[in-house]
Amino acid sequence: MKSIEHLIEEMKQYNETFWVNPGKINSEKALKLLQKSHPGLPNLEAVMDADMRLRRFAPFFVSAFPESAEKSGIIESPLISIPEFQKSVIPFVGGRILGKWYLKADHLLPISGSIKARGGVYEIIKFAETLALSEGILNLEENYKCFAEEKFKSLFGKYTIVVGSTGNLGLSIGTIGSTLGFKVMVHMSHDAKAWKIELLRSKGVEVVLHDSDYSVAVAEGRKSALSDPYSYFVDDENSIELFVGYAVAALRLKQQMIDQKIDVNSEHPLFVYLPCGVGGAPGGIAYALKLVFGDDVFVFLAEPTHAPCMMLGMATGKYDRISVGDIDIDLKTDADGLAVGRASGFVGQVLSPLIDGIYTISDDKLYFMLFILHESESMNLEPSALAGLSGPIKMFYDSEGFSHLAENGLLEKMENSTHISWATGGNLVPDLMMKSYIKKGQGLSGTL
C-alpha cells in the first residue's frame, strides 16, 4: 500500500493513482457504528419510505414530464449489459475483463438526464409535500397529479429554492423546482457548461455565475438563502434529504438484478464504480448498496486526476478540512460534474468504513472511453460519466487493484463477478457538442 506522502506526490503530478481504503470494516458493524455517530443517517426503512414518496409523485411526473410516462412516472434508469464495450477494451489493456459488465444508465433518467435526478428531485418533492401538508391543501391519499393545480403553484411561488452547482444538480433542482412553481436560483461555478446554463435559464431559473470554483458557488448560495425566510437551500455537501434520495437507487438496482437473474453473494461478488465530485450522489448510493448487499458488494469511487478531492480528504483523514488547492492541484478538468476541490466532510466520514477505494483517471482517457462506448454500444455519455467505466480495468490491470483482489481472496471468483459502472449524465448534451466529444475521443487512441 502506498504511503500518504507517495499518494500525494502522485496526485500533485496528475498521475492516475489507486488508493485502497485501509479503514474499511465489516458492513454490519460499520453501519451500526455510523448510525450511532450520525443519527440522521437513514436505515433501510427510511430508504424504503423515500422510495414510496417518489412513487406517490409518479402521477405528477407523468403529467409534467411526458418522458417519464413509459415507466409510469418511476424515476429510474435501466441496467444495461455492455458486452461489446467489454470486448472493445481488450486491445488497449492487453487482456480480458473477467465477469459480466453492466452500465447503470443514469444518463437516461427522466427529468434531468443525470444521476442528480434522484436526489435533487427527491429533496424538492419532499419539501413541496411538507409545505402542502402544513397548509392543509393535501392529504396523503390523494392522487398526486394534484400538484399541477394552481393552488399548489400559488403556494410554492412564495418560496425560492437555492442551490450551488457545477451543472447537473442545478439542472435537476431547476427543472423540478420551476415545474412545481417555485422560484429557483442556481449559483454556478466557472467550470459549468454554457449549454447547462442556457437550459436552466430557458426554464425560468435564475443563474448566478461565479468566477470561482464549486465550493465558492455553494457558499454563496448558502449565504443568499440565509437572508430570506422564504428561501430553501439545498446543501449538496451535507443534505440528508439528497443523500436518502440517492440511496433509493440501491433498492431499485437490487430489483433490476433479480429481474435479470444476476446473482450477488459471496461466490458472485458485485463491484460498483461511482464517479465522484463533492460526494453526495455516490455517497448515498454507496451507503445504500451496503445496506442492501452487505459484504458482497465492493464499492470504488472515481475522480479526475485534476480534482481528486475525496481521495485527498479520505486518505489524509482531513475530509473537508483540506482542498486539492492546498497541494497545488489546479481543478482544470472537462469532467465538470466532478470538478470539485473540497469533498463533503459528512460523506467522507460516512464512507470511511464502507468503501474499498478510490482511483483517478485522466481527461484524455475519459474522452477515449467515450469514443469506444459510442462505437461499440451506440451510447453517448458526457465526459465525467465515463469515470466509472475505468473501474474494472483498474481492478485487473492496475497493480494496486489487482493486489486488492488477491489479498481479499477474490481472484478465483472474478469469472462469476458482476461489474456495474455508474453513468452520471449525457442524455441532454446538445448534438453538436456530443459530436465534438466523440471526435476528440477518436483522436486520443492509446492505452487504457
Protein backbone atom coordinates (compact mmCIF):
# COMPACT_ATOMS: atom_id res chain seq x y z
CA MET A 1 0.00 0.00 0.00
CA LYS A 2 1.25 3.47 -0.90
CA SER A 3 2.25 5.89 1.82
CA ILE A 4 0.27 9.11 2.14
CA GLU A 5 3.36 11.02 1.02
CA HIS A 6 3.68 8.90 -2.12
CA LEU A 7 -0.03 9.19 -2.85
CA ILE A 8 0.01 12.99 -2.53
CA GLU A 9 3.06 13.23 -4.77
CA GLU A 10 1.26 11.18 -7.44
CA MET A 11 -1.76 13.46 -7.16
CA LYS A 12 0.42 16.56 -7.48
CA GLN A 13 1.97 15.13 -10.64
CA TYR A 14 -1.55 14.46 -12.04
CA ASN A 15 -0.70 10.78 -12.35
CA GLU A 16 -3.52 8.27 -12.35
CA THR A 17 -3.46 6.57 -8.98
CA PHE A 18 -5.36 3.96 -6.99
CA TRP A 19 -5.95 4.25 -3.26
CA VAL A 20 -7.07 1.25 -1.22
CA ASN A 21 -9.06 2.27 1.85
CA PRO A 22 -7.36 0.90 4.99
CA GLY A 23 -10.36 1.84 7.14
CA LYS A 24 -12.92 -0.47 5.56
CA ILE A 25 -14.54 -2.88 8.05
CA ASN A 26 -17.37 -5.43 8.12
CA SER A 27 -20.52 -3.85 6.67
CA GLU A 28 -22.88 -4.76 9.50
CA LYS A 29 -20.50 -3.38 12.12
CA ALA A 30 -19.79 -0.26 10.05
CA LEU A 31 -23.47 0.55 9.53
CA LYS A 32 -24.23 0.18 13.24
CA LEU A 33 -21.34 2.47 14.17
CA LEU A 34 -22.33 5.05 11.56
CA GLN A 35 -25.97 5.17 12.64
CA LYS A 36 -24.79 5.85 16.20
CA SER A 37 -22.27 8.52 15.23
CA HIS A 38 -24.55 10.13 12.60
CA PRO A 39 -28.13 9.88 13.97
CA GLY A 40 -29.66 11.40 10.83
CA LEU A 41 -28.40 8.65 8.55
CA PRO A 42 -31.23 6.62 7.01
CA ASN A 43 -31.76 2.97 7.83
CA LEU A 44 -33.27 0.62 5.24
CA GLU A 45 -36.82 1.53 6.31
CA ALA A 46 -36.10 5.23 5.74
CA VAL A 47 -34.79 4.49 2.24
CA MET A 48 -37.94 2.47 1.53
CA ASP A 49 -40.03 5.41 2.77
CA ALA A 50 -38.21 7.69 0.32
CA ASP A 51 -38.92 5.22 -2.46
CA MET A 52 -42.63 5.32 -1.59
CA ARG A 53 -42.65 9.14 -1.61
CA LEU A 54 -41.16 9.14 -5.11
CA ARG A 55 -43.84 6.63 -6.15
CA ARG A 56 -46.60 8.86 -4.72
CA PHE A 57 -45.41 11.63 -7.02
CA ALA A 58 -45.40 9.35 -10.08
CA PRO A 59 -48.79 10.64 -11.41
CA PHE A 60 -47.46 14.21 -11.25
CA PHE A 61 -44.25 13.20 -13.01
CA VAL A 62 -46.25 11.56 -15.82
CA SER A 63 -48.31 14.72 -16.36
CA ALA A 64 -45.41 17.16 -16.05
CA PHE A 65 -42.66 15.14 -17.74
CA PRO A 66 -44.08 13.03 -20.59
CA GLU A 67 -40.75 11.22 -20.99
CA SER A 68 -41.42 9.55 -17.63
CA ALA A 69 -44.71 8.01 -18.82
CA GLU A 70 -43.01 4.95 -20.28
CA LYS A 71 -42.21 3.79 -16.74
CA SER A 72 -45.42 5.17 -15.22
CA GLY A 73 -43.61 8.05 -13.58
CA ILE A 74 -40.96 5.96 -11.83
CA ILE A 75 -37.71 7.92 -12.00
CA GLU A 76 -35.30 5.09 -12.66
CA SER A 77 -32.66 4.15 -15.23
CA PRO A 78 -32.04 0.81 -16.93
CA LEU A 79 -29.24 -1.61 -16.09
CA ILE A 80 -27.65 -2.39 -19.45
CA SER A 81 -25.20 -5.15 -20.33
CA ILE A 82 -22.23 -3.79 -22.35
CA PRO A 83 -20.54 -6.88 -23.83
CA GLU A 84 -19.33 -5.10 -26.96
CA PHE A 85 -17.57 -2.43 -24.91
CA GLN A 86 -16.10 -5.20 -22.75
CA LYS A 87 -14.63 -6.80 -25.89
CA SER A 88 -13.52 -3.48 -27.35
CA VAL A 89 -11.19 -2.60 -24.48
CA ILE A 90 -9.18 -5.83 -24.81
CA PRO A 91 -6.65 -4.50 -27.37
CA PHE A 92 -5.99 -1.45 -25.22
CA VAL A 93 -5.46 -3.24 -21.89
CA GLY A 94 -3.78 -6.39 -23.17
CA GLY A 95 -6.30 -8.91 -21.86
CA ARG A 96 -9.84 -9.68 -20.79
CA ILE A 97 -12.05 -8.22 -18.07
CA LEU A 98 -13.46 -11.23 -16.19
CA GLY A 99 -17.10 -11.23 -15.11
CA LYS A 100 -20.15 -9.58 -16.61
CA TRP A 101 -20.06 -5.83 -17.17
CA TYR A 102 -23.08 -3.51 -16.97
CA LEU A 103 -23.76 0.20 -17.25
CA LYS A 104 -26.22 1.79 -14.79
CA ALA A 105 -27.58 4.22 -17.32
CA ASP A 106 -28.39 7.26 -15.19
CA HIS A 107 -27.82 9.47 -18.24
CA LEU A 108 -31.28 8.22 -19.28
CA LEU A 109 -33.05 9.25 -16.07
CA PRO A 110 -36.17 11.31 -16.79
CA ILE A 111 -36.46 14.98 -15.76
CA SER A 112 -32.78 15.97 -15.83
CA GLY A 113 -30.88 13.20 -17.61
CA SER A 114 -28.33 12.62 -14.86
CA ILE A 115 -27.65 10.86 -11.58
CA LYS A 116 -28.74 14.08 -9.83
CA ALA A 117 -32.36 13.46 -10.84
CA ARG A 118 -32.82 11.12 -7.88
CA GLY A 119 -31.50 13.21 -5.01
CA GLY A 120 -32.37 16.61 -6.43
CA VAL A 121 -35.91 15.66 -7.37
CA TYR A 122 -36.43 13.84 -4.09
CA GLU A 123 -35.39 16.75 -1.87
CA ILE A 124 -37.66 19.18 -3.70
CA ILE A 125 -40.73 16.93 -3.76
CA LYS A 126 -40.32 16.24 -0.04
CA PHE A 127 -40.14 19.99 0.63
CA ALA A 128 -43.21 20.52 -1.59
CA GLU A 129 -45.16 17.73 0.11
CA THR A 130 -44.26 19.08 3.58
CA LEU A 131 -45.41 22.59 2.64
CA ALA A 132 -48.65 21.33 1.09
CA LEU A 133 -49.49 19.18 4.13
CA SER A 134 -48.72 22.02 6.55
CA GLU A 135 -51.01 24.37 4.59
CA GLY A 136 -53.82 21.82 4.57
CA ILE A 137 -54.14 21.60 0.79
CA LEU A 138 -53.03 17.96 0.55
CA ASN A 139 -53.75 14.63 2.14
CA LEU A 140 -51.61 11.55 1.59
CA GLU A 141 -54.45 9.59 0.00
CA GLU A 142 -54.87 12.00 -2.93
CA ASN A 143 -53.66 11.39 -6.45
CA TYR A 144 -50.50 13.49 -6.56
CA LYS A 145 -51.34 14.70 -10.04
CA CYS A 146 -52.98 17.46 -7.99
CA PHE A 147 -49.54 19.08 -7.61
CA ALA A 148 -50.09 20.55 -11.08
CA GLU A 149 -53.08 22.56 -9.77
CA GLU A 150 -52.92 26.32 -9.37
CA LYS A 151 -53.34 26.30 -5.57
CA PHE A 152 -50.08 24.39 -5.26
CA LYS A 153 -48.22 26.65 -7.66
CA SER A 154 -49.57 29.67 -5.80
CA LEU A 155 -48.18 28.34 -2.51
CA PHE A 156 -44.84 27.29 -3.91
CA GLY A 157 -44.41 30.58 -5.79
CA LYS A 158 -43.81 32.31 -2.45
CA TYR A 159 -40.61 30.33 -1.95
CA THR A 160 -37.18 30.41 -3.59
CA ILE A 161 -35.06 27.29 -3.81
CA VAL A 162 -31.33 27.99 -3.81
CA VAL A 163 -28.51 25.61 -4.74
CA GLY A 164 -24.83 25.74 -5.69
CA SER A 165 -23.79 23.50 -8.57
CA THR A 166 -21.28 22.75 -11.32
CA GLY A 167 -24.19 21.79 -13.53
CA ASN A 168 -26.16 18.56 -13.11
CA LEU A 169 -27.58 19.17 -9.63
CA GLY A 170 -28.58 22.66 -10.75
CA LEU A 171 -30.37 21.16 -13.76
CA SER A 172 -32.20 18.68 -11.56
CA ILE A 173 -33.25 21.24 -8.92
CA GLY A 174 -34.04 23.90 -11.51
CA THR A 175 -36.20 21.60 -13.63
CA ILE A 176 -38.31 20.06 -10.86
CA GLY A 177 -38.45 23.27 -8.80
CA SER A 178 -39.61 25.53 -11.62
CA THR A 179 -42.12 22.92 -12.83
CA LEU A 180 -43.73 22.77 -9.37
CA GLY A 181 -43.93 26.58 -9.30
CA PHE A 182 -41.02 27.51 -7.04
CA LYS A 183 -38.65 30.32 -7.87
CA VAL A 184 -35.20 28.77 -8.28
CA MET A 185 -31.77 30.34 -8.01
CA VAL A 186 -28.72 28.31 -9.04
CA HIS A 187 -25.23 29.54 -8.13
CA MET A 188 -22.81 28.05 -10.66
CA SER A 189 -19.03 27.79 -10.71
CA HIS A 190 -16.82 28.93 -13.59
CA ASP A 191 -16.49 25.38 -14.95
CA ALA A 192 -20.23 24.96 -15.58
CA LYS A 193 -21.03 24.19 -19.23
CA ALA A 194 -22.66 27.03 -21.18
CA TRP A 195 -25.41 24.76 -22.52
CA LYS A 196 -26.45 23.81 -18.96
CA ILE A 197 -26.63 27.49 -18.02
CA GLU A 198 -28.78 28.29 -21.06
CA LEU A 199 -31.05 25.30 -20.47
CA LEU A 200 -31.68 26.44 -16.90
CA ARG A 201 -32.44 29.99 -17.97
CA SER A 202 -34.87 28.68 -20.59
CA LYS A 203 -36.84 27.14 -17.71
CA GLY A 204 -37.08 30.49 -15.91
CA VAL A 205 -34.33 29.67 -13.42
CA GLU A 206 -32.14 32.50 -12.17
CA VAL A 207 -28.50 31.54 -12.72
CA VAL A 208 -25.81 33.38 -10.74
CA LEU A 209 -22.35 32.84 -12.20
CA HIS A 210 -19.20 32.93 -10.08
CA ASP A 211 -15.66 33.33 -11.38
CA SER A 212 -14.52 30.70 -8.91
CA ASP A 213 -14.84 27.01 -8.12
CA TYR A 214 -17.71 24.85 -6.89
CA SER A 215 -17.09 25.44 -3.17
CA VAL A 216 -17.50 29.20 -3.57
CA ALA A 217 -20.71 28.74 -5.56
CA VAL A 218 -22.13 26.60 -2.74
CA ALA A 219 -21.02 29.08 -0.07
CA GLU A 220 -22.61 32.00 -1.94
CA GLY A 221 -25.82 30.05 -2.40
CA ARG A 222 -25.94 29.25 1.30
CA LYS A 223 -25.34 32.89 2.19
CA SER A 224 -28.10 34.21 -0.08
CA ALA A 225 -30.61 31.69 1.29
CA LEU A 226 -29.89 32.58 4.91
CA SER A 227 -31.00 36.17 4.33
CA ASP A 228 -34.51 35.21 3.17
CA PRO A 229 -37.00 33.31 5.40
CA TYR A 230 -38.81 32.14 2.25
CA SER A 231 -35.66 30.59 0.80
CA TYR A 232 -34.87 26.88 0.96
CA PHE A 233 -31.23 25.95 0.50
CA VAL A 234 -30.27 22.58 -0.99
CA ASP A 235 -26.92 21.76 0.59
CA ASP A 236 -25.09 19.46 -1.81
CA GLU A 237 -22.32 18.96 0.77
CA ASN A 238 -24.40 17.98 3.80
CA SER A 239 -28.03 17.31 2.89
CA ILE A 240 -29.58 14.15 4.37
CA GLU A 241 -32.55 14.53 2.01
CA LEU A 242 -30.33 14.47 -1.07
CA PHE A 243 -28.46 11.54 0.45
CA VAL A 244 -31.57 9.43 1.04
CA GLY A 245 -32.92 10.31 -2.41
CA TYR A 246 -29.75 8.98 -3.99
CA ALA A 247 -29.90 5.92 -1.72
CA VAL A 248 -33.17 4.79 -3.32
CA ALA A 249 -31.09 3.71 -6.32
CA ALA A 250 -29.76 0.69 -4.41
CA LEU A 251 -33.28 -0.66 -3.79
CA ARG A 252 -34.16 -0.28 -7.45
CA LEU A 253 -30.85 -1.84 -8.52
CA LYS A 254 -31.46 -4.92 -6.37
CA GLN A 255 -34.81 -5.50 -8.08
CA GLN A 256 -33.29 -4.99 -11.51
CA MET A 257 -30.63 -7.58 -10.72
CA ILE A 258 -33.29 -10.04 -9.53
CA ASP A 259 -35.27 -9.43 -12.72
CA GLN A 260 -32.16 -10.06 -14.84
CA LYS A 261 -31.22 -13.13 -12.77
CA ILE A 262 -27.88 -11.65 -11.69
CA ASP A 263 -26.67 -13.36 -8.52
CA VAL A 264 -24.95 -11.42 -5.75
CA ASN A 265 -23.47 -13.46 -2.92
CA SER A 266 -20.09 -14.44 -1.50
CA GLU A 267 -19.30 -16.55 -4.59
CA HIS A 268 -20.72 -13.98 -7.03
CA PRO A 269 -19.26 -10.64 -5.87
CA LEU A 270 -20.62 -7.31 -7.08
CA PHE A 271 -18.26 -4.45 -7.94
CA VAL A 272 -19.69 -0.94 -8.35
CA TYR A 273 -17.75 2.05 -9.68
CA LEU A 274 -19.15 5.52 -8.96
CA PRO A 275 -17.93 8.85 -10.38
CA CYS A 276 -17.39 11.29 -7.51
CA GLY A 277 -17.44 15.07 -7.23
CA VAL A 278 -18.33 16.51 -3.83
CA GLY A 279 -19.59 13.05 -2.88
CA GLY A 280 -23.34 13.37 -2.30
CA ALA A 281 -24.67 11.11 -5.06
CA PRO A 282 -22.00 8.39 -4.88
CA GLY A 283 -22.10 8.60 -1.09
CA GLY A 284 -25.84 7.97 -0.85
CA ILE A 285 -25.68 5.16 -3.39
CA ALA A 286 -22.62 3.51 -1.82
CA TYR A 287 -24.12 3.67 1.67
CA ALA A 288 -27.38 2.07 0.49
CA LEU A 289 -25.54 -0.58 -1.52
CA LYS A 290 -24.05 -1.69 1.78
CA LEU A 291 -27.50 -1.67 3.40
CA VAL A 292 -28.81 -3.88 0.61
CA PHE A 293 -25.87 -6.15 -0.33
CA GLY A 294 -23.61 -6.02 2.73
CA ASP A 295 -20.14 -7.51 2.29
CA ASP A 296 -20.99 -8.99 -1.10
CA VAL A 297 -20.59 -5.57 -2.77
CA PHE A 298 -17.27 -3.81 -3.32
CA VAL A 299 -17.51 -0.07 -3.97
CA PHE A 300 -14.95 2.20 -5.62
CA LEU A 301 -15.15 5.92 -6.35
CA ALA A 302 -13.66 7.52 -9.47
CA GLU A 303 -12.28 11.06 -9.75
CA PRO A 304 -10.43 13.14 -12.38
CA THR A 305 -6.67 13.46 -11.90
CA HIS A 306 -7.18 17.23 -11.68
CA ALA A 307 -9.90 17.02 -8.97
CA PRO A 308 -9.16 14.14 -6.56
CA CYS A 309 -10.85 15.80 -3.58
CA MET A 310 -12.43 12.73 -1.98
CA MET A 311 -9.24 10.69 -2.31
CA LEU A 312 -7.26 13.51 -0.72
CA GLY A 313 -9.79 14.05 2.08
CA MET A 314 -10.24 10.39 2.96
CA ALA A 315 -6.60 9.31 2.59
CA THR A 316 -5.37 12.12 4.85
CA GLY A 317 -8.28 11.80 7.27
CA LYS A 318 -8.84 15.55 6.91
CA TYR A 319 -12.04 15.17 4.83
CA ASP A 320 -13.36 18.70 4.15
CA ARG A 321 -10.52 20.33 6.06
CA ILE A 322 -8.26 20.01 3.03
CA SER A 323 -8.66 21.10 -0.59
CA VAL A 324 -6.82 19.99 -3.71
CA GLY A 325 -5.69 23.61 -3.97
CA ASP A 326 -3.75 23.07 -0.75
CA ILE A 327 -1.45 20.71 -2.66
CA ASP A 328 -1.38 22.93 -5.78
CA ILE A 329 -3.78 20.92 -7.95
CA ASP A 330 -5.44 23.22 -10.49
CA LEU A 331 -9.00 21.78 -10.88
CA LYS A 332 -8.75 22.04 -14.67
CA THR A 333 -10.88 19.18 -15.98
CA ASP A 334 -13.57 18.76 -18.61
CA ALA A 335 -15.39 16.45 -16.19
CA ASP A 336 -17.43 19.40 -14.96
CA GLY A 337 -19.69 17.38 -12.66
CA LEU A 338 -16.61 16.13 -10.84
CA ALA A 339 -14.67 19.42 -10.79
CA VAL A 340 -14.73 19.85 -7.03
CA GLY A 341 -11.78 20.90 -4.90
CA ARG A 342 -13.11 20.10 -1.44
CA ALA A 343 -15.12 16.96 -0.69
CA SER A 344 -18.09 16.72 1.63
CA GLY A 345 -16.80 16.01 5.13
CA PHE A 346 -20.09 14.38 6.03
CA VAL A 347 -19.93 11.95 3.10
CA GLY A 348 -16.23 11.24 3.54
CA GLN A 349 -16.72 10.23 7.16
CA VAL A 350 -19.73 8.06 6.28
CA LEU A 351 -17.82 6.27 3.53
CA SER A 352 -14.62 5.78 5.53
CA PRO A 353 -15.56 2.32 6.92
CA LEU A 354 -17.59 1.25 3.86
CA ILE A 355 -15.85 1.72 0.51
CA ASP A 356 -12.92 -0.27 -0.85
CA GLY A 357 -11.04 2.51 -2.54
CA ILE A 358 -10.79 5.41 -4.96
CA TYR A 359 -8.98 5.76 -8.28
CA THR A 360 -8.28 8.71 -10.55
CA ILE A 361 -8.50 8.96 -14.32
CA SER A 362 -7.18 11.48 -16.86
CA ASP A 363 -9.42 13.58 -19.09
CA ASP A 364 -7.83 12.01 -22.18
CA LYS A 365 -8.96 8.56 -21.06
CA LEU A 366 -12.45 9.85 -20.32
CA TYR A 367 -12.72 11.07 -23.91
CA PHE A 368 -11.18 7.93 -25.39
CA MET A 369 -13.61 5.68 -23.49
CA LEU A 370 -16.45 7.99 -24.55
CA PHE A 371 -15.48 7.26 -28.15
CA ILE A 372 -15.15 3.49 -27.57
CA LEU A 373 -18.57 3.32 -25.87
CA HIS A 374 -20.13 5.29 -28.71
CA GLU A 375 -18.60 2.99 -31.33
CA SER A 376 -19.22 -0.30 -29.53
CA GLU A 377 -22.60 0.22 -27.85
CA SER A 378 -24.01 3.34 -29.58
CA MET A 379 -24.28 5.08 -26.20
CA ASN A 380 -23.37 8.70 -25.58
CA LEU A 381 -22.25 9.98 -22.18
CA GLU A 382 -20.75 13.27 -21.08
CA PRO A 383 -17.03 13.05 -20.17
CA SER A 384 -17.49 12.87 -16.38
CA ALA A 385 -19.85 9.90 -16.79
CA LEU A 386 -17.04 7.77 -18.21
CA ALA A 387 -15.07 7.75 -14.95
CA GLY A 388 -16.84 4.63 -13.70
CA LEU A 389 -16.02 2.71 -16.88
CA SER A 390 -12.35 2.66 -15.96
CA GLY A 391 -13.07 0.71 -12.77
CA PRO A 392 -12.98 -2.91 -13.99
CA ILE A 393 -9.83 -2.14 -15.97
CA LYS A 394 -8.18 -0.78 -12.82
CA MET A 395 -9.10 -3.92 -10.87
CA PHE A 396 -7.26 -6.22 -13.28
CA TYR A 397 -4.53 -4.04 -14.80
CA ASP A 398 -3.52 -1.63 -12.03
CA SER A 399 -1.10 -3.20 -9.53
CA GLU A 400 -3.00 -1.80 -6.54
CA GLY A 401 -6.35 -3.01 -7.87
CA PHE A 402 -5.02 -6.48 -8.67
CA SER A 403 -3.34 -6.74 -5.25
CA HIS A 404 -6.64 -5.81 -3.62
CA LEU A 405 -8.37 -8.69 -5.40
CA ALA A 406 -5.60 -11.12 -4.46
CA GLU A 407 -5.40 -10.08 -0.80
CA ASN A 408 -9.17 -10.43 -0.37
CA GLY A 409 -9.41 -13.88 -1.96
CA LEU A 410 -11.38 -12.56 -4.92
CA LEU A 411 -9.27 -13.58 -7.91
CA GLU A 412 -10.78 -17.06 -8.17
CA LYS A 413 -14.28 -15.55 -8.01
CA MET A 414 -13.90 -12.99 -10.78
CA GLU A 415 -15.30 -15.21 -13.56
CA ASN A 416 -18.57 -15.13 -11.58
CA SER A 417 -18.39 -11.45 -10.70
CA THR A 418 -20.58 -8.56 -11.83
CA HIS A 419 -19.20 -5.09 -12.59
CA ILE A 420 -21.51 -2.06 -12.65
CA SER A 421 -20.10 1.20 -13.96
CA TRP A 422 -22.41 4.04 -12.96
CA ALA A 423 -23.12 6.62 -15.65
CA THR A 424 -23.91 10.12 -14.44
CA GLY A 425 -25.12 12.24 -17.36
CA GLY A 426 -25.06 12.90 -21.07
CA ASN A 427 -28.56 12.50 -22.48
CA LEU A 428 -29.18 16.26 -22.60
CA VAL A 429 -25.84 17.21 -24.16
CA PRO A 430 -26.52 19.12 -27.43
CA ASP A 431 -25.84 17.02 -30.54
CA LEU A 432 -23.08 19.22 -31.91
CA MET A 433 -21.26 19.17 -28.58
CA MET A 434 -21.59 15.40 -28.30
CA LYS A 435 -20.15 15.03 -31.80
CA SER A 436 -17.20 17.17 -30.75
CA TYR A 437 -16.68 14.94 -27.69
CA ILE A 438 -16.70 11.82 -29.87
CA LYS A 439 -14.29 13.37 -32.37
CA LYS A 440 -11.93 14.39 -29.60
CA GLY A 441 -12.02 10.88 -28.14
CA GLN A 442 -11.35 9.38 -31.57
CA GLY A 443 -8.16 11.40 -31.79
CA LEU A 444 -6.85 10.15 -28.44
CA SER A 445 -6.36 6.47 -29.22
CA GLY A 446 -3.96 4.87 -26.76
CA THR A 447 -3.73 2.61 -23.75
CA LEU A 448 -6.41 2.40 -21.11
